[in-house]
């Protein structure tokens, strides 16, 4: 199950709506091995496309260096679909290279960049196999227990 706080959920949805009709993409980083989606990082869709996303390679390299220095990993990898349901395409499945990440898809097909509900779904993608998981949106993430 993906547990995500309301501000992060809202930020992902806002990014998807803002970039519509192009696909939006980004990462939510968290402490390595914690499964805590803590740091929202919107990225540039280098493809600038309504049907495809590609992280900007320079931006992605800088983010991975930053995460490495902070002992973080990508907890959520998200992108939007602008004309189809929030379900991973064959291309999305092929690009999924983080076996521990939650792959979030937001569909803006119903309202585009206008106010209105979106489809927000999360998946695990490991070795080409897609498994949908529940999403729990909480007011804030509980303090970590040691």
Foldseek 3Di string as FASTA:
>chain_A
DQEAAPVLVVVQVLQQQVLPLAKWWWFQKDAPPPLYRHRTDTFDQPVSHSADGDGDVVVVVVVVVVCVVVNMDGQEIEMEHEADAFDDDQVNLVPPDDQNHKYWYWYNPPPRNDDDDIHIWTWGRDPSDTDTDDYHYHNDDDDDDD
